[in-house]
Amino acid sequence: MTSFTALIDGKTDAYGVYFPDLPGCTAMGATLEELIVNAAEAMRDWVDVTVERGGAIPEPRPIEALLADTEVHEDIVAGRALLRSVPLVRHSGRPAKANLSIDSGILAAIDAEAKRRNDIPLDSALGNPDWERSAADGHADIPDEDDD
């Protein structure tokens, strides 16, 4: 998965972020948590629009290269910005069916984040009331439609 480095600045109730490798890609948020969510959405939208217009998506620079960038270096040294890696998650527009087994701790973290973001259980967020899950073994089983 590709991640881009974001520079975060601001203060409580007024945070901003920009991506040095994605010109013009910025976002804002009242909290750092909201800022990161908005930054990921802005980055995805920036990439989608760039691709739609026939542009190329730049490769993210390594941290060492970013720190060698005068503007980035000055913002960090002056205490005006913090670095944060933000993963690029693009919507494919295609549903994917998956039966998977994952660590129960990872499943619990996914459930907690889904609940925090939506304040609804993950199974409801997925729109599948038949979702069966066993936190004990970390196995998530989404039944086939014809398993009735």
N, C-alpha and C. Protein backbone atom coordinates (compact mmCIF):
# COMPACT_ATOMS: atom_id res chain seq x y z
N MET A 1 0.85 -1.16 0.00
CA MET A 1 0.00 0.00 0.00
C MET A 1 0.90 1.23 0.00
N THR A 2 0.53 2.20 -0.81
CA THR A 2 1.28 3.44 -0.90
C THR A 2 0.85 4.39 0.21
N SER A 3 1.81 5.04 0.82
CA SER A 3 1.55 6.07 1.82
C SER A 3 2.30 7.33 1.43
N PHE A 4 1.69 8.47 1.71
CA PHE A 4 2.34 9.75 1.47
C PHE A 4 2.56 10.45 2.80
N THR A 5 3.63 11.18 2.89
CA THR A 5 3.94 11.92 4.11
C THR A 5 3.21 13.25 4.08
N ALA A 6 2.54 13.54 5.18
CA ALA A 6 1.81 14.80 5.34
C ALA A 6 2.54 15.66 6.36
N LEU A 7 2.47 16.96 6.18
CA LEU A 7 2.97 17.91 7.17
C LEU A 7 1.77 18.53 7.85
N ILE A 8 1.73 18.42 9.17
CA ILE A 8 0.61 18.91 9.97
C ILE A 8 1.06 20.14 10.73
N ASP A 9 0.20 21.15 10.72
CA ASP A 9 0.46 22.33 11.54
C ASP A 9 -0.84 22.81 12.15
N GLY A 10 -0.76 23.81 13.00
CA GLY A 10 -1.97 24.38 13.59
C GLY A 10 -2.02 24.22 15.08
N LYS A 11 -3.22 24.40 15.61
CA LYS A 11 -3.47 24.29 17.04
C LYS A 11 -4.88 23.77 17.23
N THR A 12 -5.25 23.49 18.47
CA THR A 12 -6.57 22.95 18.77
C THR A 12 -7.66 23.74 18.06
N ASP A 13 -8.58 23.03 17.44
CA ASP A 13 -9.72 23.56 16.68
C ASP A 13 -9.34 24.15 15.33
N ALA A 14 -8.07 24.10 14.95
CA ALA A 14 -7.67 24.66 13.65
C ALA A 14 -6.39 24.00 13.15
N TYR A 15 -6.47 22.73 12.77
CA TYR A 15 -5.32 22.02 12.24
C TYR A 15 -5.38 22.00 10.72
N GLY A 16 -4.22 22.02 10.10
CA GLY A 16 -4.13 21.92 8.66
C GLY A 16 -3.06 20.92 8.27
N VAL A 17 -3.16 20.41 7.06
CA VAL A 17 -2.19 19.44 6.57
C VAL A 17 -1.97 19.67 5.08
N TYR A 18 -0.75 19.43 4.65
CA TYR A 18 -0.47 19.41 3.21
C TYR A 18 0.49 18.29 2.92
N PHE A 19 0.44 17.84 1.66
CA PHE A 19 1.29 16.73 1.20
C PHE A 19 2.33 17.31 0.25
N PRO A 20 3.59 17.36 0.64
CA PRO A 20 4.62 17.94 -0.22
C PRO A 20 4.73 17.26 -1.59
N ASP A 21 4.40 15.98 -1.67
CA ASP A 21 4.50 15.25 -2.93
C ASP A 21 3.25 15.35 -3.81
N LEU A 22 2.19 15.96 -3.27
CA LEU A 22 0.93 16.09 -4.02
C LEU A 22 0.56 17.58 -4.04
N PRO A 23 1.08 18.33 -5.00
CA PRO A 23 0.88 19.79 -5.03
C PRO A 23 -0.59 20.20 -4.95
N GLY A 24 -0.88 21.06 -3.99
CA GLY A 24 -2.23 21.57 -3.83
C GLY A 24 -3.14 20.69 -3.00
N CYS A 25 -2.68 19.55 -2.55
CA CYS A 25 -3.50 18.65 -1.75
C CYS A 25 -3.40 19.05 -0.29
N THR A 26 -4.50 19.58 0.25
CA THR A 26 -4.54 20.06 1.63
C THR A 26 -5.84 19.61 2.28
N ALA A 27 -5.88 19.69 3.61
CA ALA A 27 -7.10 19.39 4.35
C ALA A 27 -7.04 20.12 5.68
N MET A 28 -8.19 20.22 6.33
CA MET A 28 -8.27 20.85 7.64
C MET A 28 -9.12 19.99 8.57
N GLY A 29 -8.99 20.24 9.87
CA GLY A 29 -9.81 19.54 10.85
C GLY A 29 -9.73 20.23 12.19
N ALA A 30 -10.78 20.10 12.97
CA ALA A 30 -10.82 20.72 14.30
C ALA A 30 -9.97 19.95 15.30
N THR A 31 -9.84 18.63 15.08
CA THR A 31 -8.99 17.79 15.94
C THR A 31 -7.98 17.09 15.05
N LEU A 32 -6.92 16.57 15.66
CA LEU A 32 -5.94 15.83 14.87
C LEU A 32 -6.56 14.58 14.25
N GLU A 33 -7.44 13.93 14.99
CA GLU A 33 -8.11 12.74 14.48
C GLU A 33 -8.95 13.08 13.23
N GLU A 34 -9.74 14.15 13.33
CA GLU A 34 -10.55 14.60 12.19
C GLU A 34 -9.66 15.01 11.04
N LEU A 35 -8.55 15.65 11.34
CA LEU A 35 -7.62 16.08 10.31
C LEU A 35 -7.08 14.91 9.51
N ILE A 36 -6.69 13.83 10.18
CA ILE A 36 -6.13 12.67 9.48
C ILE A 36 -7.19 12.03 8.58
N VAL A 37 -8.42 11.92 9.07
CA VAL A 37 -9.49 11.37 8.23
C VAL A 37 -9.70 12.26 7.01
N ASN A 38 -9.77 13.58 7.22
CA ASN A 38 -9.96 14.52 6.11
C ASN A 38 -8.77 14.49 5.16
N ALA A 39 -7.56 14.33 5.71
CA ALA A 39 -6.36 14.27 4.87
C ALA A 39 -6.40 13.05 3.96
N ALA A 40 -6.81 11.91 4.49
CA ALA A 40 -6.89 10.69 3.68
C ALA A 40 -7.92 10.86 2.56
N GLU A 41 -9.05 11.50 2.87
CA GLU A 41 -10.08 11.73 1.86
C GLU A 41 -9.59 12.73 0.80
N ALA A 42 -8.92 13.79 1.24
CA ALA A 42 -8.40 14.79 0.30
C ALA A 42 -7.36 14.16 -0.63
N MET A 43 -6.50 13.32 -0.06
CA MET A 43 -5.47 12.66 -0.86
C MET A 43 -6.12 11.73 -1.90
N ARG A 44 -7.11 10.96 -1.47
CA ARG A 44 -7.80 10.07 -2.41
C ARG A 44 -8.46 10.87 -3.52
N ASP A 45 -9.15 11.96 -3.16
CA ASP A 45 -9.80 12.80 -4.17
C ASP A 45 -8.78 13.42 -5.11
N TRP A 46 -7.65 13.88 -4.58
CA TRP A 46 -6.59 14.48 -5.40
C TRP A 46 -6.10 13.47 -6.42
N VAL A 47 -5.84 12.25 -5.97
CA VAL A 47 -5.36 11.19 -6.87
C VAL A 47 -6.42 10.86 -7.92
N ASP A 48 -7.68 10.72 -7.51
CA ASP A 48 -8.74 10.40 -8.46
C ASP A 48 -8.88 11.47 -9.55
N VAL A 49 -8.87 12.74 -9.16
CA VAL A 49 -8.99 13.83 -10.13
C VAL A 49 -7.77 13.87 -11.05
N THR A 50 -6.60 13.67 -10.49
CA THR A 50 -5.38 13.67 -11.30
C THR A 50 -5.42 12.56 -12.35
N VAL A 51 -5.85 11.38 -11.96
CA VAL A 51 -5.94 10.24 -12.89
C VAL A 51 -7.01 10.52 -13.95
N GLU A 52 -8.17 11.05 -13.52
CA GLU A 52 -9.25 11.37 -14.47
C GLU A 52 -8.78 12.37 -15.54
N ARG A 53 -7.90 13.27 -15.16
CA ARG A 53 -7.39 14.28 -16.10
C ARG A 53 -6.18 13.80 -16.89
N GLY A 54 -5.83 12.52 -16.71
CA GLY A 54 -4.72 11.95 -17.46
C GLY A 54 -3.36 12.20 -16.86
N GLY A 55 -3.31 12.70 -15.64
CA GLY A 55 -2.04 12.98 -14.98
C GLY A 55 -1.46 11.73 -14.33
N ALA A 56 -0.20 11.85 -13.97
CA ALA A 56 0.50 10.75 -13.30
C ALA A 56 0.57 11.03 -11.80
N ILE A 57 0.47 9.99 -11.03
CA ILE A 57 0.60 10.11 -9.58
C ILE A 57 2.08 9.99 -9.23
N PRO A 58 2.63 10.99 -8.56
CA PRO A 58 4.05 10.91 -8.23
C PRO A 58 4.33 9.83 -7.19
N GLU A 59 5.51 9.30 -7.23
CA GLU A 59 5.93 8.35 -6.20
C GLU A 59 6.22 9.15 -4.93
N PRO A 60 5.81 8.64 -3.77
CA PRO A 60 6.13 9.34 -2.54
C PRO A 60 7.64 9.31 -2.29
N ARG A 61 8.16 10.45 -1.87
CA ARG A 61 9.59 10.51 -1.56
C ARG A 61 9.86 9.88 -0.20
N PRO A 62 11.02 9.28 -0.04
CA PRO A 62 11.39 8.78 1.29
C PRO A 62 11.56 9.96 2.26
N ILE A 63 11.44 9.68 3.54
CA ILE A 63 11.56 10.72 4.57
C ILE A 63 12.87 11.50 4.41
N GLU A 64 13.96 10.81 4.11
CA GLU A 64 15.25 11.49 3.97
C GLU A 64 15.20 12.54 2.86
N ALA A 65 14.53 12.21 1.76
CA ALA A 65 14.42 13.17 0.66
C ALA A 65 13.53 14.34 1.05
N LEU A 66 12.47 14.07 1.78
CA LEU A 66 11.60 15.16 2.24
C LEU A 66 12.36 16.10 3.18
N LEU A 67 13.14 15.52 4.08
CA LEU A 67 13.90 16.34 5.02
C LEU A 67 14.97 17.16 4.32
N ALA A 68 15.41 16.70 3.15
CA ALA A 68 16.38 17.47 2.36
C ALA A 68 15.72 18.61 1.60
N ASP A 69 14.39 18.58 1.50
CA ASP A 69 13.62 19.65 0.85
C ASP A 69 13.65 20.87 1.78
N THR A 70 14.15 21.99 1.30
CA THR A 70 14.34 23.18 2.13
C THR A 70 13.06 23.62 2.83
N GLU A 71 11.96 23.70 2.10
CA GLU A 71 10.70 24.16 2.69
C GLU A 71 10.22 23.23 3.80
N VAL A 72 10.26 21.93 3.54
CA VAL A 72 9.83 20.94 4.53
C VAL A 72 10.75 21.01 5.75
N HIS A 73 12.05 21.04 5.50
CA HIS A 73 13.03 21.09 6.59
C HIS A 73 12.81 22.32 7.47
N GLU A 74 12.60 23.47 6.85
CA GLU A 74 12.40 24.70 7.61
C GLU A 74 11.14 24.63 8.47
N ASP A 75 10.05 24.08 7.92
CA ASP A 75 8.81 23.96 8.69
C ASP A 75 8.99 23.07 9.91
N ILE A 76 9.74 21.99 9.75
CA ILE A 76 9.95 21.06 10.86
C ILE A 76 10.89 21.65 11.90
N VAL A 77 12.01 22.19 11.46
CA VAL A 77 13.00 22.77 12.38
C VAL A 77 12.40 23.94 13.16
N ALA A 78 11.57 24.73 12.52
CA ALA A 78 10.95 25.88 13.19
C ALA A 78 9.81 25.45 14.11
N GLY A 79 9.49 24.17 14.12
CA GLY A 79 8.41 23.69 14.97
C GLY A 79 7.03 24.00 14.42
N ARG A 80 6.95 24.34 13.15
CA ARG A 80 5.65 24.69 12.54
C ARG A 80 4.91 23.47 12.02
N ALA A 81 5.59 22.33 11.90
CA ALA A 81 4.93 21.18 11.29
C ALA A 81 5.45 19.87 11.88
N LEU A 82 4.58 18.89 11.87
CA LEU A 82 4.90 17.52 12.25
C LEU A 82 4.71 16.63 11.03
N LEU A 83 5.45 15.55 10.95
CA LEU A 83 5.30 14.60 9.85
C LEU A 83 4.36 13.48 10.26
N ARG A 84 3.56 13.02 9.30
CA ARG A 84 2.67 11.88 9.53
C ARG A 84 2.49 11.14 8.21
N SER A 85 2.63 9.84 8.23
CA SER A 85 2.39 9.03 7.05
C SER A 85 0.90 8.74 6.95
N VAL A 86 0.33 8.95 5.76
CA VAL A 86 -1.10 8.71 5.54
C VAL A 86 -1.23 7.73 4.37
N PRO A 87 -1.87 6.57 4.60
CA PRO A 87 -2.01 5.59 3.53
C PRO A 87 -3.02 6.05 2.47
N LEU A 88 -2.70 5.76 1.23
CA LEU A 88 -3.61 6.05 0.12
C LEU A 88 -4.51 4.84 -0.09
N VAL A 89 -5.81 5.02 0.18
CA VAL A 89 -6.79 3.96 -0.01
C VAL A 89 -7.78 4.46 -1.05
N ARG A 90 -7.75 3.83 -2.22
CA ARG A 90 -8.62 4.26 -3.32
C ARG A 90 -9.82 3.33 -3.41
N HIS A 91 -10.97 3.90 -3.79
CA HIS A 91 -12.17 3.12 -4.03
C HIS A 91 -12.06 2.50 -5.42
N SER A 92 -12.29 1.20 -5.51
CA SER A 92 -12.21 0.54 -6.81
C SER A 92 -13.55 0.58 -7.54
N GLY A 93 -14.64 0.74 -6.79
CA GLY A 93 -15.96 0.70 -7.39
C GLY A 93 -16.46 -0.72 -7.61
N ARG A 94 -15.66 -1.69 -7.19
CA ARG A 94 -16.04 -3.09 -7.36
C ARG A 94 -16.16 -3.74 -5.98
N PRO A 95 -17.29 -4.38 -5.71
CA PRO A 95 -17.39 -5.10 -4.43
C PRO A 95 -16.51 -6.34 -4.47
N ALA A 96 -16.03 -6.73 -3.32
CA ALA A 96 -15.24 -7.95 -3.23
C ALA A 96 -15.78 -8.78 -2.08
N LYS A 97 -15.98 -10.05 -2.35
CA LYS A 97 -16.45 -10.96 -1.33
C LYS A 97 -15.23 -11.62 -0.71
N ALA A 98 -15.22 -11.70 0.62
CA ALA A 98 -14.05 -12.28 1.26
C ALA A 98 -14.44 -13.06 2.51
N ASN A 99 -13.94 -14.25 2.62
CA ASN A 99 -13.99 -15.01 3.87
C ASN A 99 -12.56 -15.01 4.37
N LEU A 100 -12.37 -14.51 5.57
CA LEU A 100 -11.00 -14.35 6.02
C LEU A 100 -10.86 -14.65 7.49
N SER A 101 -9.65 -14.97 7.86
CA SER A 101 -9.30 -15.14 9.26
C SER A 101 -8.22 -14.12 9.57
N ILE A 102 -8.45 -13.36 10.66
CA ILE A 102 -7.46 -12.38 11.08
C ILE A 102 -7.31 -12.46 12.59
N ASP A 103 -6.24 -11.93 13.08
CA ASP A 103 -5.98 -11.90 14.51
C ASP A 103 -7.13 -11.21 15.24
N SER A 104 -7.55 -11.75 16.36
CA SER A 104 -8.69 -11.19 17.09
C SER A 104 -8.43 -9.77 17.56
N GLY A 105 -7.18 -9.43 17.85
CA GLY A 105 -6.85 -8.06 18.25
C GLY A 105 -7.05 -7.08 17.11
N ILE A 106 -6.67 -7.49 15.90
CA ILE A 106 -6.88 -6.64 14.72
C ILE A 106 -8.36 -6.48 14.44
N LEU A 107 -9.12 -7.57 14.55
CA LEU A 107 -10.57 -7.50 14.35
C LEU A 107 -11.21 -6.57 15.37
N ALA A 108 -10.78 -6.65 16.61
CA ALA A 108 -11.32 -5.76 17.65
C ALA A 108 -11.00 -4.30 17.34
N ALA A 109 -9.79 -4.05 16.83
CA ALA A 109 -9.40 -2.68 16.47
C ALA A 109 -10.25 -2.16 15.31
N ILE A 110 -10.51 -3.01 14.33
CA ILE A 110 -11.35 -2.62 13.19
C ILE A 110 -12.77 -2.31 13.68
N ASP A 111 -13.31 -3.18 14.52
CA ASP A 111 -14.65 -2.95 15.08
C ASP A 111 -14.71 -1.65 15.87
N ALA A 112 -13.70 -1.41 16.70
CA ALA A 112 -13.69 -0.20 17.53
C ALA A 112 -13.62 1.05 16.66
N GLU A 113 -12.81 1.01 15.62
CA GLU A 113 -12.69 2.17 14.73
C GLU A 113 -13.98 2.39 13.94
N ALA A 114 -14.59 1.32 13.47
CA ALA A 114 -15.86 1.44 12.74
C ALA A 114 -16.94 2.00 13.66
N LYS A 115 -16.98 1.53 14.88
CA LYS A 115 -17.97 2.04 15.84
C LYS A 115 -17.71 3.50 16.14
N ARG A 116 -16.45 3.86 16.33
CA ARG A 116 -16.10 5.24 16.63
C ARG A 116 -16.51 6.15 15.48
N ARG A 117 -16.24 5.72 14.26
CA ARG A 117 -16.55 6.56 13.10
C ARG A 117 -18.03 6.63 12.80
N ASN A 118 -18.72 5.54 13.00
CA ASN A 118 -20.12 5.47 12.60
C ASN A 118 -21.09 5.32 13.75
N ASP A 119 -20.57 4.99 14.92
CA ASP A 119 -21.38 4.71 16.09
C ASP A 119 -22.42 3.64 15.81
N ILE A 120 -22.05 2.71 14.93
CA ILE A 120 -22.90 1.55 14.66
C ILE A 120 -21.98 0.33 14.56
N PRO A 121 -22.48 -0.87 14.83
CA PRO A 121 -21.63 -2.05 14.75
C PRO A 121 -21.13 -2.30 13.32
N LEU A 122 -19.97 -2.90 13.23
CA LEU A 122 -19.38 -3.18 11.93
C LEU A 122 -20.30 -4.01 11.05
N ASP A 123 -20.98 -5.01 11.64
CA ASP A 123 -21.86 -5.83 10.82
C ASP A 123 -22.98 -5.01 10.20
N SER A 124 -23.50 -4.03 10.92
CA SER A 124 -24.52 -3.16 10.35
C SER A 124 -23.92 -2.25 9.30
N ALA A 125 -22.69 -1.80 9.54
CA ALA A 125 -22.02 -0.93 8.57
C ALA A 125 -21.82 -1.67 7.25
N LEU A 126 -21.60 -2.96 7.33
CA LEU A 126 -21.41 -3.76 6.13
C LEU A 126 -22.74 -4.10 5.46
N GLY A 127 -23.84 -3.83 6.17
CA GLY A 127 -25.16 -4.09 5.60
C GLY A 127 -25.51 -5.56 5.55
N ASN A 128 -24.84 -6.37 6.36
CA ASN A 128 -25.09 -7.80 6.34
C ASN A 128 -25.45 -8.27 7.75
N PRO A 129 -26.74 -8.42 8.05
CA PRO A 129 -27.15 -8.84 9.40
C PRO A 129 -26.73 -10.26 9.74
N ASP A 130 -26.32 -11.06 8.73
CA ASP A 130 -25.92 -12.44 8.98
C ASP A 130 -24.43 -12.59 9.28
N TRP A 131 -23.74 -11.46 9.39
CA TRP A 131 -22.31 -11.49 9.68
C TRP A 131 -22.09 -12.26 10.98
N GLU A 132 -21.25 -13.26 10.92
CA GLU A 132 -20.92 -14.02 12.13
C GLU A 132 -19.45 -13.78 12.43
N ARG A 133 -19.18 -13.61 13.71
CA ARG A 133 -17.80 -13.29 14.06
C ARG A 133 -17.48 -13.94 15.39
N SER A 134 -16.31 -14.46 15.49
CA SER A 134 -15.86 -15.05 16.74
C SER A 134 -14.58 -14.35 17.17
N ALA A 135 -14.67 -13.50 18.17
CA ALA A 135 -13.50 -12.78 18.66
C ALA A 135 -12.49 -13.73 19.27
N ALA A 136 -12.96 -14.89 19.70
CA ALA A 136 -12.04 -15.83 20.34
C ALA A 136 -10.99 -16.35 19.36
N ASP A 137 -11.40 -16.63 18.11
CA ASP A 137 -10.43 -17.16 17.17
C ASP A 137 -10.08 -16.17 16.06
N GLY A 138 -10.69 -14.98 16.06
CA GLY A 138 -10.37 -13.98 15.06
C GLY A 138 -10.90 -14.32 13.68
N HIS A 139 -11.83 -15.23 13.58
CA HIS A 139 -12.36 -15.66 12.28
C HIS A 139 -13.62 -14.88 11.96
N ALA A 140 -13.66 -14.26 10.82
CA ALA A 140 -14.85 -13.56 10.36
C ALA A 140 -15.42 -14.31 9.18
N ASP A 141 -16.69 -14.69 9.25
CA ASP A 141 -17.30 -15.47 8.19
C ASP A 141 -18.52 -14.72 7.68
N ILE A 142 -18.47 -14.29 6.43
CA ILE A 142 -19.62 -13.66 5.79
C ILE A 142 -20.27 -14.75 4.94
N PRO A 143 -21.45 -15.21 5.35
CA PRO A 143 -22.08 -16.33 4.64
C PRO A 143 -22.44 -15.99 3.21
N ASP A 144 -22.43 -17.03 2.37
CA ASP A 144 -22.90 -16.86 1.00
C ASP A 144 -24.39 -16.59 1.03
N GLU A 145 -24.89 -15.90 0.00
CA GLU A 145 -26.33 -15.60 -0.07
C GLU A 145 -27.16 -16.88 -0.12
N ASP A 146 -26.60 -17.94 -0.71
CA ASP A 146 -27.38 -19.17 -0.84
C ASP A 146 -27.16 -20.12 0.34
N ASP A 147 -26.56 -19.65 1.45
CA ASP A 147 -26.37 -20.47 2.64
C ASP A 147 -27.60 -20.52 3.53
N ASP A 148 -28.71 -19.91 3.13
CA ASP A 148 -29.92 -19.84 3.96
C ASP A 148 -30.42 -21.17 4.29
